[in-house]
Amino acid sequence: DEVFMSAQEAVGAHRDTQELINLWLSQLNELSVTDPAICPNMCGRKYRGEKRKYHLKRHLTNECGVPKKFQCHMCFKRFAQDYNLKSHLLMVHKQIPSPRNRFRII
C-alpha cells in the first residue's frame, strides 16, 4: 500500500509541477521580447529573445532539479540534453551514435 501511495503522490506532484510550469510560461506572453525570462526556481538562469519561452520550458523540464535522462553507454556519464550526449560520444569516445541506439534514456 505504501508503494502505491507513493506512486500516486509522485503523479500528483508531477501534475502540479507541470501546471506551475504552464502557468509561468503563459505569463511570459505578457512580457515584451526584450524582457528576460527568469527561472522561477531561483537557479539564476535567464533567457532572452524570441525563443526564451521554449528555452525556459526546456530548462525547467530537463535541467533544473530534474535527474539527467541521457547516459553514455561507454563511461556512464549522464547528460540533461541528448545533443550533449551526442557531442560527448563524438569528442571523448570518437564514436558516431547509430540511429537505432543513439541515446540511452534513463
Protein backbone atom coordinates (compact mmCIF):
# COMPACT_ATOMS: atom_id res chain seq x y z
CA ASP A 1 0.00 0.00 0.00
CA GLU A 2 2.77 2.44 0.87
CA VAL A 3 4.46 1.97 -2.50
CA PHE A 4 1.17 2.55 -4.29
CA MET A 5 0.52 5.72 -2.33
CA SER A 6 4.00 6.98 -3.13
CA ALA A 7 3.37 6.42 -6.83
CA GLN A 8 0.07 8.29 -6.60
CA GLU A 9 1.77 11.15 -4.79
CA ALA A 10 4.51 11.26 -7.44
CA VAL A 11 1.93 11.51 -10.22
CA GLY A 12 0.16 14.31 -8.37
CA ALA A 13 3.41 16.15 -7.76
CA HIS A 14 4.36 15.81 -11.44
CA ARG A 15 0.95 17.14 -12.50
CA ASP A 16 1.28 20.07 -10.08
CA THR A 17 4.76 20.86 -11.39
CA GLN A 18 3.53 20.79 -15.00
CA GLU A 19 0.67 23.12 -14.07
CA LEU A 20 3.10 25.57 -12.45
CA ILE A 21 5.40 25.45 -15.49
CA ASN A 22 2.48 26.10 -17.84
CA LEU A 23 1.21 28.97 -15.66
CA TRP A 24 4.68 30.51 -15.53
CA LEU A 25 5.13 30.19 -19.30
CA SER A 26 1.71 31.69 -20.02
CA GLN A 27 2.69 34.77 -18.02
CA LEU A 28 5.67 35.25 -20.33
CA ASN A 29 3.27 36.14 -23.14
CA GLU A 30 2.51 39.38 -21.30
CA LEU A 31 6.17 40.44 -21.31
CA SER A 32 7.85 42.07 -24.27
CA VAL A 33 10.50 40.14 -26.21
CA THR A 34 13.24 42.28 -24.64
CA ASP A 35 12.25 41.27 -21.09
CA PRO A 36 14.25 38.26 -19.86
CA ALA A 37 12.55 35.04 -18.80
CA ILE A 38 13.93 34.14 -15.37
CA CYS A 39 13.77 30.63 -13.93
CA PRO A 40 11.15 30.51 -11.14
CA ASN A 41 13.31 28.03 -9.18
CA MET A 42 15.82 30.77 -8.32
CA CYS A 43 18.72 28.98 -10.01
CA GLY A 44 19.81 32.19 -11.72
CA ARG A 45 19.16 31.18 -15.35
CA LYS A 46 17.81 33.91 -17.64
CA TYR A 47 16.65 33.60 -21.22
CA ARG A 48 16.26 36.42 -23.73
CA GLY A 49 14.91 36.76 -27.25
CA GLU A 50 12.04 35.31 -29.19
CA LYS A 51 12.73 31.69 -28.18
CA ARG A 52 13.03 32.44 -24.45
CA LYS A 53 9.78 30.65 -23.65
CA TYR A 54 10.95 27.47 -25.41
CA HIS A 55 14.37 27.60 -23.75
CA LEU A 56 12.91 28.20 -20.28
CA LYS A 57 10.47 25.28 -20.69
CA ARG A 58 13.33 23.02 -21.81
CA HIS A 59 15.37 24.16 -18.79
CA LEU A 60 12.51 23.50 -16.35
CA THR A 61 11.62 20.08 -17.75
CA ASN A 62 15.14 18.73 -18.44
CA GLU A 63 17.68 20.57 -16.30
CA CYS A 64 16.52 22.42 -13.21
CA GLY A 65 16.19 19.97 -10.32
CA VAL A 66 15.49 17.03 -12.65
CA PRO A 67 17.74 13.93 -12.85
CA LYS A 68 19.73 13.73 -16.08
CA LYS A 69 17.94 11.43 -18.55
CA PHE A 70 20.67 10.53 -21.05
CA GLN A 71 23.63 8.28 -20.23
CA CYS A 72 26.75 7.36 -22.16
CA HIS A 73 26.92 3.61 -22.72
CA MET A 74 30.72 3.66 -22.54
CA CYS A 75 31.59 5.68 -19.43
CA PHE A 76 28.08 6.05 -17.91
CA LYS A 77 28.33 9.85 -17.65
CA ARG A 78 24.87 11.46 -17.60
CA PHE A 79 23.54 14.40 -19.58
CA ALA A 80 20.43 16.56 -19.40
CA GLN A 81 20.18 17.04 -23.18
CA ASP A 82 20.51 14.44 -25.94
CA TYR A 83 22.72 16.70 -28.05
CA ASN A 84 25.22 16.94 -25.18
CA LEU A 85 25.47 13.15 -25.12
CA LYS A 86 25.96 13.10 -28.89
CA SER A 87 28.73 15.68 -28.63
CA HIS A 88 30.33 13.72 -25.77
CA LEU A 89 30.35 10.50 -27.81
CA LEU A 90 31.96 12.26 -30.76
CA MET A 91 34.55 14.27 -28.84
CA VAL A 92 35.52 11.93 -25.98
CA HIS A 93 34.98 8.45 -27.38
CA LYS A 94 35.37 9.27 -31.11
CA GLN A 95 32.17 7.34 -31.77
CA ILE A 96 29.30 8.32 -34.02
CA PRO A 97 25.99 7.29 -32.43
CA SER A 98 23.99 4.83 -34.52
CA PRO A 99 20.44 5.94 -35.39
CA ARG A 100 18.74 2.94 -33.74
CA ASN A 101 20.73 3.04 -30.48
CA ARG A 102 21.52 6.70 -30.42
CA PHE A 103 20.79 7.52 -26.80
CA ARG A 104 20.16 5.70 -23.60
CA ILE A 105 17.25 7.33 -21.79
CA ILE A 106 17.02 6.60 -18.09
